[in-house]
Amino acid sequence: MTKYLLIYENGDLSSAPTHFSAHREAWNTFVQRGVLIMIGPVVSSPVFGALAVFTTREDAEAFAKSDPFVIHGVVSRWSVAEWKEALTS
């Protein structure tokens, strides 16, 4: 089954706490619609960014374009990649 990965690269993380509530509200809207499956930071050193898994490319792009983290520079760059799910439960 095809899914779409939204890939975020970190920008100015110092402003993340200021915009986190609005960011969470934005993602909850997509979760409630059933189009956002997972979201979270990539934990590495140094921290790279975050990933989110969507059911459609259109929803992944719509989320990124409206996400307060993107709008306010917490995310410096984003992209969407098609992902072919090979193993399901």
N, C-alpha and C. Protein backbone atom coordinates (compact mmCIF):
# COMPACT_ATOMS: atom_id res chain seq x y z
N MET A 1 0.84 -1.17 0.00
CA MET A 1 0.00 0.00 0.00
C MET A 1 0.89 1.25 0.00
N THR A 2 0.55 2.23 -0.79
CA THR A 2 1.35 3.45 -0.89
C THR A 2 0.98 4.43 0.21
N LYS A 3 2.00 4.99 0.81
CA LYS A 3 1.85 6.07 1.79
C LYS A 3 2.78 7.19 1.33
N TYR A 4 2.71 8.32 2.02
CA TYR A 4 3.54 9.47 1.66
C TYR A 4 4.23 10.00 2.90
N LEU A 5 5.57 10.10 2.82
CA LEU A 5 6.37 10.61 3.91
C LEU A 5 6.58 12.10 3.75
N LEU A 6 6.22 12.85 4.77
CA LEU A 6 6.54 14.26 4.82
C LEU A 6 7.84 14.36 5.60
N ILE A 7 8.86 14.92 4.98
CA ILE A 7 10.19 14.98 5.56
C ILE A 7 10.51 16.44 5.88
N TYR A 8 10.78 16.69 7.16
CA TYR A 8 11.11 18.04 7.61
C TYR A 8 12.59 18.12 7.96
N GLU A 9 13.22 19.23 7.58
CA GLU A 9 14.57 19.55 8.03
C GLU A 9 14.47 20.72 8.99
N ASN A 10 15.21 20.62 10.08
CA ASN A 10 15.15 21.65 11.12
C ASN A 10 15.61 23.00 10.60
N GLY A 11 14.93 24.03 11.13
CA GLY A 11 15.31 25.41 10.92
C GLY A 11 15.68 26.00 12.27
N ASP A 12 15.00 27.07 12.65
CA ASP A 12 15.25 27.75 13.91
C ASP A 12 14.46 27.07 15.04
N LEU A 13 15.10 26.12 15.70
CA LEU A 13 14.42 25.36 16.75
C LEU A 13 14.13 26.18 17.99
N SER A 14 14.78 27.32 18.14
CA SER A 14 14.54 28.14 19.34
C SER A 14 13.10 28.64 19.40
N SER A 15 12.42 28.74 18.27
CA SER A 15 11.04 29.21 18.27
C SER A 15 10.02 28.06 18.33
N ALA A 16 10.49 26.82 18.37
CA ALA A 16 9.57 25.67 18.41
C ALA A 16 8.61 25.71 19.59
N PRO A 17 9.07 25.99 20.82
CA PRO A 17 8.12 26.01 21.95
C PRO A 17 6.98 27.02 21.77
N THR A 18 7.29 28.14 21.16
CA THR A 18 6.28 29.18 20.94
C THR A 18 5.17 28.70 20.02
N HIS A 19 5.51 27.89 19.01
CA HIS A 19 4.56 27.49 17.98
C HIS A 19 4.07 26.05 18.13
N PHE A 20 4.52 25.35 19.19
CA PHE A 20 4.19 23.93 19.31
C PHE A 20 2.69 23.67 19.45
N SER A 21 1.97 24.45 20.25
CA SER A 21 0.53 24.20 20.42
C SER A 21 -0.22 24.29 19.10
N ALA A 22 0.09 25.31 18.31
CA ALA A 22 -0.57 25.46 17.01
C ALA A 22 -0.17 24.34 16.06
N HIS A 23 1.09 23.91 16.13
CA HIS A 23 1.57 22.78 15.34
C HIS A 23 0.79 21.52 15.70
N ARG A 24 0.61 21.27 17.00
CA ARG A 24 -0.13 20.09 17.46
C ARG A 24 -1.60 20.17 17.04
N GLU A 25 -2.20 21.33 17.13
CA GLU A 25 -3.59 21.50 16.67
C GLU A 25 -3.70 21.17 15.18
N ALA A 26 -2.73 21.64 14.41
CA ALA A 26 -2.74 21.37 12.97
C ALA A 26 -2.67 19.88 12.71
N TRP A 27 -1.75 19.18 13.39
CA TRP A 27 -1.64 17.75 13.11
C TRP A 27 -2.87 17.01 13.60
N ASN A 28 -3.47 17.42 14.72
CA ASN A 28 -4.68 16.75 15.21
C ASN A 28 -5.83 16.84 14.23
N THR A 29 -5.92 17.94 13.51
CA THR A 29 -6.95 18.09 12.47
C THR A 29 -6.80 17.00 11.41
N PHE A 30 -5.57 16.73 11.00
CA PHE A 30 -5.31 15.73 9.97
C PHE A 30 -5.49 14.31 10.53
N VAL A 31 -5.15 14.11 11.80
CA VAL A 31 -5.38 12.81 12.44
C VAL A 31 -6.87 12.52 12.49
N GLN A 32 -7.66 13.50 12.90
CA GLN A 32 -9.11 13.33 13.00
C GLN A 32 -9.74 13.02 11.65
N ARG A 33 -9.17 13.55 10.59
CA ARG A 33 -9.66 13.25 9.24
C ARG A 33 -9.22 11.87 8.76
N GLY A 34 -8.30 11.23 9.49
CA GLY A 34 -7.84 9.90 9.13
C GLY A 34 -6.78 9.85 8.06
N VAL A 35 -6.11 10.98 7.80
CA VAL A 35 -5.11 11.01 6.73
C VAL A 35 -3.68 11.12 7.23
N LEU A 36 -3.50 11.42 8.52
CA LEU A 36 -2.17 11.44 9.14
C LEU A 36 -2.07 10.23 10.05
N ILE A 37 -1.13 9.34 9.75
CA ILE A 37 -1.00 8.08 10.47
C ILE A 37 0.01 8.17 11.61
N MET A 38 1.13 8.83 11.37
CA MET A 38 2.20 8.97 12.37
C MET A 38 2.92 10.29 12.15
N ILE A 39 3.49 10.82 13.25
CA ILE A 39 4.29 12.04 13.15
C ILE A 39 5.26 12.06 14.33
N GLY A 40 6.46 12.55 14.09
CA GLY A 40 7.40 12.66 15.19
C GLY A 40 8.79 13.05 14.73
N PRO A 41 9.62 13.47 15.71
CA PRO A 41 10.98 13.89 15.39
C PRO A 41 11.88 12.69 15.08
N VAL A 42 12.88 12.94 14.26
CA VAL A 42 13.93 11.97 14.02
C VAL A 42 14.98 12.25 15.10
N VAL A 43 15.22 11.26 15.94
CA VAL A 43 16.13 11.45 17.06
C VAL A 43 17.51 10.94 16.66
N SER A 44 18.40 11.89 16.43
CA SER A 44 19.79 11.56 16.08
C SER A 44 20.66 12.71 16.55
N SER A 45 21.92 12.61 16.31
CA SER A 45 22.81 13.67 16.74
C SER A 45 23.60 14.15 15.53
N PRO A 46 23.46 15.33 15.05
CA PRO A 46 22.49 16.32 15.51
C PRO A 46 21.09 15.97 15.01
N VAL A 47 20.08 16.51 15.64
CA VAL A 47 18.70 16.22 15.24
C VAL A 47 18.48 16.73 13.82
N PHE A 48 17.96 15.86 12.99
CA PHE A 48 17.75 16.14 11.57
C PHE A 48 16.46 16.90 11.32
N GLY A 49 15.38 16.45 11.93
CA GLY A 49 14.07 17.03 11.64
C GLY A 49 12.98 16.11 12.12
N ALA A 50 12.01 15.87 11.25
CA ALA A 50 10.88 15.04 11.63
C ALA A 50 10.32 14.35 10.39
N LEU A 51 9.52 13.33 10.65
CA LEU A 51 8.82 12.60 9.60
C LEU A 51 7.34 12.50 9.97
N ALA A 52 6.51 12.48 8.96
CA ALA A 52 5.09 12.21 9.15
C ALA A 52 4.66 11.29 8.02
N VAL A 53 3.72 10.41 8.30
CA VAL A 53 3.21 9.47 7.30
C VAL A 53 1.75 9.82 7.01
N PHE A 54 1.46 10.08 5.74
CA PHE A 54 0.13 10.45 5.29
C PHE A 54 -0.42 9.43 4.30
N THR A 55 -1.72 9.42 4.15
CA THR A 55 -2.36 8.51 3.20
C THR A 55 -2.34 9.05 1.77
N THR A 56 -2.22 10.38 1.61
CA THR A 56 -2.15 10.96 0.26
C THR A 56 -1.08 12.04 0.20
N ARG A 57 -0.54 12.22 -0.99
CA ARG A 57 0.44 13.30 -1.22
C ARG A 57 -0.21 14.66 -0.99
N GLU A 58 -1.45 14.80 -1.45
CA GLU A 58 -2.14 16.08 -1.33
C GLU A 58 -2.29 16.50 0.13
N ASP A 59 -2.62 15.55 1.00
CA ASP A 59 -2.75 15.87 2.42
C ASP A 59 -1.40 16.19 3.05
N ALA A 60 -0.36 15.49 2.66
CA ALA A 60 0.98 15.79 3.18
C ALA A 60 1.39 17.20 2.79
N GLU A 61 1.17 17.58 1.55
CA GLU A 61 1.52 18.92 1.08
C GLU A 61 0.65 19.99 1.74
N ALA A 62 -0.64 19.71 1.90
CA ALA A 62 -1.55 20.67 2.54
C ALA A 62 -1.13 20.91 3.98
N PHE A 63 -0.76 19.84 4.68
CA PHE A 63 -0.31 19.99 6.06
C PHE A 63 0.93 20.88 6.11
N ALA A 64 1.93 20.56 5.30
CA ALA A 64 3.19 21.32 5.34
C ALA A 64 2.96 22.80 5.03
N LYS A 65 2.14 23.08 4.05
CA LYS A 65 1.90 24.47 3.65
C LYS A 65 1.18 25.27 4.73
N SER A 66 0.43 24.59 5.60
CA SER A 66 -0.32 25.31 6.63
C SER A 66 0.27 25.15 8.04
N ASP A 67 1.33 24.35 8.18
CA ASP A 67 1.91 24.06 9.49
C ASP A 67 2.62 25.29 10.06
N PRO A 68 2.25 25.71 11.29
CA PRO A 68 2.94 26.83 11.92
C PRO A 68 4.46 26.65 12.02
N PHE A 69 4.93 25.42 12.13
CA PHE A 69 6.38 25.20 12.18
C PHE A 69 7.03 25.61 10.85
N VAL A 70 6.37 25.36 9.75
CA VAL A 70 6.90 25.77 8.43
C VAL A 70 6.76 27.29 8.29
N ILE A 71 5.60 27.80 8.60
CA ILE A 71 5.31 29.23 8.43
C ILE A 71 6.27 30.10 9.24
N HIS A 72 6.64 29.64 10.45
CA HIS A 72 7.47 30.45 11.34
C HIS A 72 8.94 30.04 11.36
N GLY A 73 9.37 29.20 10.41
CA GLY A 73 10.79 28.90 10.26
C GLY A 73 11.37 27.85 11.18
N VAL A 74 10.54 27.17 11.97
CA VAL A 74 11.05 26.06 12.79
C VAL A 74 11.54 24.95 11.84
N VAL A 75 10.87 24.81 10.72
CA VAL A 75 11.26 23.88 9.65
C VAL A 75 11.87 24.72 8.53
N SER A 76 13.09 24.35 8.11
CA SER A 76 13.77 25.11 7.06
C SER A 76 13.38 24.64 5.66
N ARG A 77 13.11 23.35 5.55
CA ARG A 77 12.80 22.75 4.25
C ARG A 77 11.92 21.54 4.47
N TRP A 78 11.05 21.26 3.50
CA TRP A 78 10.25 20.05 3.58
C TRP A 78 10.12 19.46 2.19
N SER A 79 9.84 18.15 2.18
CA SER A 79 9.60 17.44 0.92
C SER A 79 8.65 16.28 1.20
N VAL A 80 8.09 15.75 0.13
CA VAL A 80 7.19 14.59 0.24
C VAL A 80 7.75 13.50 -0.64
N ALA A 81 7.83 12.29 -0.09
CA ALA A 81 8.32 11.13 -0.85
C ALA A 81 7.28 10.02 -0.81
N GLU A 82 7.08 9.39 -1.95
CA GLU A 82 6.19 8.23 -2.02
C GLU A 82 6.88 7.05 -1.35
N TRP A 83 6.14 6.32 -0.56
CA TRP A 83 6.69 5.19 0.19
C TRP A 83 5.80 3.98 -0.04
N LYS A 84 6.40 2.89 -0.45
CA LYS A 84 5.67 1.64 -0.68
C LYS A 84 5.80 0.78 0.57
N GLU A 85 4.71 0.63 1.27
CA GLU A 85 4.68 -0.18 2.49
C GLU A 85 4.79 -1.65 2.11
N ALA A 86 5.79 -2.35 2.64
CA ALA A 86 6.02 -3.74 2.29
C ALA A 86 5.54 -4.72 3.37
N LEU A 87 5.59 -4.30 4.63
CA LEU A 87 5.24 -5.19 5.73
C LEU A 87 4.11 -4.54 6.52
N THR A 88 3.01 -5.23 6.63
CA THR A 88 1.88 -4.73 7.41
C THR A 88 1.54 -5.74 8.47
N SER A 89 0.91 -5.27 9.52
CA SER A 89 0.58 -6.18 10.61
C SER A 89 -0.65 -7.01 10.32
